[in-house]
Amino acid sequence: MSQRLLYVMDPMCSWCWGFAPVVEELARQAAQAGVRLDWVVGGLRQECAPLSEPARERIFAHWRAVSGETGQPFNFAGGLPEGLVYDTEPACRALVVARHLAPRRVGRLARLIQQAFYLEGRDVTHACVLLELAETAGFSRCCFAEAFDSAEQRAATRADFAWVERLGIAGFPTLLAERNGMLALLTNGHQPLERLSPLLERWLERAVHA
């Protein structure tokens, strides 16, 4: 029987940062039952101009909402660095590259990218920052850089975006459970662990008795 969890997210999505502790615990819960979690990137924003001040304030308002609901910390003083072009494709592509090179390290890199962006105020749209974070996550900088710039991984990133769009997923985070090619929705949007853990447990139990 083929089964897995699919975590659809964007590393520059503030609700995904808020959901990070929850998905880590759910991944551990699934792993205990022999079910892996695979990462799919959604492509939240693809901008080409620096953030305006009104746009920055709107994003900060989202951050405050996420912080208030989830308790996750944000660096409001140093967040959204000057000149930031809010294009999430490079950060998403970094996770696709990680998935290609060493799938078990995707979560580690995702957390490092999120911490760099939300806590350290770093511009994670820049390849040099992403390569540094990938090296911290345990990847060879040279191998990662080569894959990051490749046409193959750019296409794989676009394929993720297209898959998410075809499924009609309009918001992140989204967590899906897949069994024998059939998808079940565990959540679209942030929900607390105490609500999602029993849902996952029931789905895992059905696999045992199937």
Protein backbone atom coordinates (compact mmCIF):
# COMPACT_ATOMS: atom_id res chain seq x y z
CA MET A 1 0.00 0.00 0.00
CA SER A 2 1.40 3.38 -1.06
CA GLN A 3 0.75 6.24 1.32
CA ARG A 4 2.31 9.54 2.28
CA LEU A 5 1.56 13.05 3.49
CA LEU A 6 1.92 15.97 1.09
CA TYR A 7 2.71 19.33 2.63
CA VAL A 8 1.89 22.15 0.19
CA MET A 9 3.55 25.37 1.32
CA ASP A 10 5.70 28.35 0.48
CA PRO A 11 8.71 29.24 2.65
CA MET A 12 7.83 32.95 2.37
CA CYS A 13 4.21 32.41 3.43
CA SER A 14 3.72 33.75 6.96
CA TRP A 15 0.95 31.26 7.78
CA CYS A 16 3.35 28.45 6.83
CA TRP A 17 5.83 29.89 9.31
CA GLY A 18 3.06 29.89 11.88
CA PHE A 19 2.26 26.28 11.01
CA ALA A 20 5.89 25.09 11.16
CA PRO A 21 5.79 23.60 14.69
CA VAL A 22 2.51 21.84 13.91
CA VAL A 23 3.68 20.21 10.70
CA GLU A 24 6.92 19.10 12.36
CA GLU A 25 4.94 17.26 15.03
CA LEU A 26 2.53 15.77 12.49
CA ALA A 27 5.51 14.56 10.43
CA ARG A 28 6.89 12.81 13.52
CA GLN A 29 3.49 11.26 14.18
CA ALA A 30 3.30 9.96 10.62
CA ALA A 31 6.90 8.71 10.65
CA GLN A 32 6.16 6.55 13.68
CA ALA A 33 3.58 4.78 11.52
CA GLY A 34 6.03 4.44 8.63
CA VAL A 35 4.47 7.25 6.56
CA ARG A 36 6.73 9.90 5.09
CA LEU A 37 5.99 13.58 4.51
CA ASP A 38 6.81 15.02 1.08
CA TRP A 39 7.08 18.75 0.39
CA VAL A 40 5.37 20.55 -2.50
CA VAL A 41 5.96 24.26 -3.13
CA GLY A 42 3.09 26.50 -4.10
CA GLY A 43 4.54 29.74 -5.46
CA LEU A 44 2.81 32.30 -3.27
CA ARG A 45 4.05 35.46 -4.99
CA GLN A 46 6.03 36.25 -8.11
CA GLU A 47 6.62 40.00 -8.08
CA CYS A 48 9.09 42.01 -10.14
CA ALA A 49 9.15 45.34 -8.31
CA PRO A 50 10.32 46.24 -4.78
CA LEU A 51 7.69 46.37 -2.06
CA SER A 52 5.97 49.71 -1.63
CA GLU A 53 5.44 51.09 1.86
CA PRO A 54 1.66 50.40 1.80
CA ALA A 55 2.36 46.82 0.70
CA ARG A 56 4.91 46.44 3.49
CA GLU A 57 2.34 47.60 6.04
CA ARG A 58 -0.26 45.17 4.69
CA ILE A 59 2.20 42.29 5.05
CA PHE A 60 3.13 43.36 8.57
CA ALA A 61 -0.58 43.26 9.41
CA HIS A 62 -0.68 39.64 8.20
CA TRP A 63 2.38 38.88 10.30
CA ARG A 64 0.73 40.33 13.39
CA ALA A 65 -2.34 38.16 12.76
CA VAL A 66 -0.21 35.04 12.38
CA SER A 67 1.80 35.84 15.49
CA GLY A 68 -1.35 36.46 17.50
CA GLU A 69 -2.97 33.18 16.47
CA THR A 70 0.04 30.86 16.44
CA GLY A 71 2.50 32.41 18.88
CA GLN A 72 5.32 32.23 16.33
CA PRO A 73 7.84 35.10 16.66
CA PHE A 74 8.44 37.74 13.98
CA ASN A 75 11.08 40.43 13.62
CA PHE A 76 8.91 43.47 12.95
CA ALA A 77 11.75 45.94 13.43
CA GLY A 78 14.06 44.36 10.84
CA GLY A 79 11.61 42.45 8.69
CA LEU A 80 11.03 42.91 4.96
CA PRO A 81 14.41 44.47 4.11
CA GLU A 82 14.54 47.62 2.01
CA GLY A 83 14.32 46.91 -1.70
CA LEU A 84 12.83 43.43 -1.23
CA VAL A 85 11.23 42.09 -4.39
CA TYR A 86 8.70 39.66 -2.94
CA ASP A 87 9.31 36.85 -5.41
CA THR A 88 9.03 33.49 -3.67
CA GLU A 89 10.20 31.41 -6.64
CA PRO A 90 13.89 31.29 -5.60
CA ALA A 91 13.11 30.12 -2.05
CA CYS A 92 10.64 27.58 -3.42
CA ARG A 93 13.23 26.38 -5.93
CA ALA A 94 15.73 25.92 -3.11
CA LEU A 95 13.35 23.42 -1.50
CA VAL A 96 12.79 21.64 -4.81
CA VAL A 97 16.56 21.32 -5.17
CA ALA A 98 16.82 19.99 -1.62
CA ARG A 99 14.08 17.47 -2.39
CA HIS A 100 16.07 16.35 -5.45
CA LEU A 101 19.42 16.06 -3.66
CA ALA A 102 18.45 14.83 -0.19
CA PRO A 103 14.71 14.60 0.56
CA ARG A 104 15.21 14.12 4.29
CA ARG A 105 16.84 17.55 4.58
CA VAL A 106 14.01 19.55 3.00
CA GLY A 107 12.38 20.30 6.33
CA ARG A 108 15.67 21.47 7.80
CA LEU A 109 16.29 23.87 4.91
CA ALA A 110 12.71 25.13 4.99
CA ARG A 111 13.04 25.99 8.67
CA LEU A 112 16.35 27.78 8.05
CA ILE A 113 14.84 29.85 5.22
CA GLN A 114 11.84 30.75 7.36
CA GLN A 115 14.01 31.73 10.32
CA ALA A 116 16.27 33.82 8.09
CA PHE A 117 13.30 35.67 6.62
CA TYR A 118 10.98 36.07 9.59
CA LEU A 119 13.45 36.32 12.47
CA GLU A 120 16.68 37.64 10.97
CA GLY A 121 15.25 40.00 8.35
CA ARG A 122 17.36 38.52 5.55
CA ASP A 123 16.43 38.70 1.88
CA VAL A 124 15.92 35.05 0.99
CA THR A 125 15.13 35.89 -2.63
CA HIS A 126 18.90 36.12 -3.25
CA ALA A 127 20.73 32.99 -4.38
CA CYS A 128 23.78 33.77 -2.23
CA VAL A 129 21.62 33.71 0.93
CA LEU A 130 19.89 30.50 -0.09
CA LEU A 131 23.22 28.80 -0.85
CA GLU A 132 24.55 29.77 2.57
CA LEU A 133 21.45 28.34 4.23
CA ALA A 134 21.66 25.17 2.15
CA GLU A 135 25.27 24.69 3.27
CA THR A 136 24.14 25.13 6.89
CA ALA A 137 21.50 22.46 6.26
CA GLY A 138 24.23 20.03 5.24
CA PHE A 139 24.33 20.35 1.44
CA SER A 140 27.46 20.73 -0.64
CA ARG A 141 27.45 24.40 -1.68
CA CYS A 142 28.89 23.56 -5.11
CA CYS A 143 26.40 20.77 -5.86
CA PHE A 144 23.48 22.81 -4.58
CA ALA A 145 24.48 25.87 -6.63
CA GLU A 146 24.78 23.82 -9.80
CA ALA A 147 21.33 22.27 -9.30
CA PHE A 148 19.79 25.58 -8.23
CA ASP A 149 20.80 27.22 -11.52
CA SER A 150 19.82 24.25 -13.70
CA ALA A 151 16.97 24.29 -16.19
CA GLU A 152 15.84 20.95 -14.77
CA GLN A 153 15.18 22.30 -11.28
CA ARG A 154 13.59 25.49 -12.59
CA ALA A 155 11.20 23.28 -14.55
CA ALA A 156 10.57 21.07 -11.52
CA THR A 157 9.64 24.17 -9.51
CA ARG A 158 7.22 25.30 -12.21
CA ALA A 159 5.76 21.78 -12.24
CA ASP A 160 5.03 22.04 -8.52
CA PHE A 161 3.30 25.38 -9.03
CA ALA A 162 1.22 23.94 -11.89
CA TRP A 163 0.24 20.85 -9.86
CA VAL A 164 -0.94 23.02 -6.99
CA GLU A 165 -2.93 25.21 -9.38
CA ARG A 166 -4.55 22.20 -11.08
CA LEU A 167 -5.68 20.90 -7.71
CA GLY A 168 -7.31 24.26 -7.03
CA ILE A 169 -5.32 24.86 -3.82
CA ALA A 170 -5.77 28.54 -3.15
CA GLY A 171 -4.10 28.93 0.23
CA PHE A 172 -1.16 27.71 2.24
CA PRO A 173 -0.41 25.77 4.31
CA THR A 174 -2.30 22.77 2.94
CA LEU A 175 -1.75 19.25 4.21
CA LEU A 176 -2.93 16.28 2.17
CA ALA A 177 -2.89 12.57 2.92
CA GLU A 178 -2.42 10.31 -0.09
CA ARG A 179 -3.20 6.59 -0.18
CA ASN A 180 -2.89 4.62 -3.42
CA GLY A 181 -3.18 7.83 -5.42
CA MET A 182 -6.30 9.06 -3.61
CA LEU A 183 -5.96 12.40 -1.82
CA ALA A 184 -7.66 13.38 1.43
CA LEU A 185 -7.55 16.93 2.77
CA LEU A 186 -6.33 17.21 6.36
CA THR A 187 -6.24 21.00 6.37
CA ASN A 188 -6.27 24.04 4.11
CA GLY A 189 -4.94 26.80 6.33
CA HIS A 190 -3.46 26.87 9.79
CA GLN A 191 -5.08 24.72 12.46
CA PRO A 192 -3.69 23.82 15.89
CA LEU A 193 -2.01 20.52 16.55
CA GLU A 194 -4.70 19.36 18.97
CA ARG A 195 -7.23 19.53 16.14
CA LEU A 196 -5.12 17.94 13.41
CA SER A 197 -3.36 15.20 15.34
CA PRO A 198 -6.58 13.16 15.91
CA LEU A 199 -7.49 13.54 12.21
CA LEU A 200 -4.12 12.19 11.17
CA GLU A 201 -4.34 9.40 13.72
CA ARG A 202 -7.69 8.25 12.32
CA TRP A 203 -6.32 8.31 8.77
CA LEU A 204 -3.30 6.26 9.85
CA GLU A 205 -5.52 3.77 11.68
CA ARG A 206 -7.63 3.19 8.59
CA ALA A 207 -4.46 2.14 6.77
CA VAL A 208 -3.75 -0.49 9.42
CA HIS A 209 -7.25 -1.97 9.11
CA ALA A 210 -7.57 -1.66 5.35
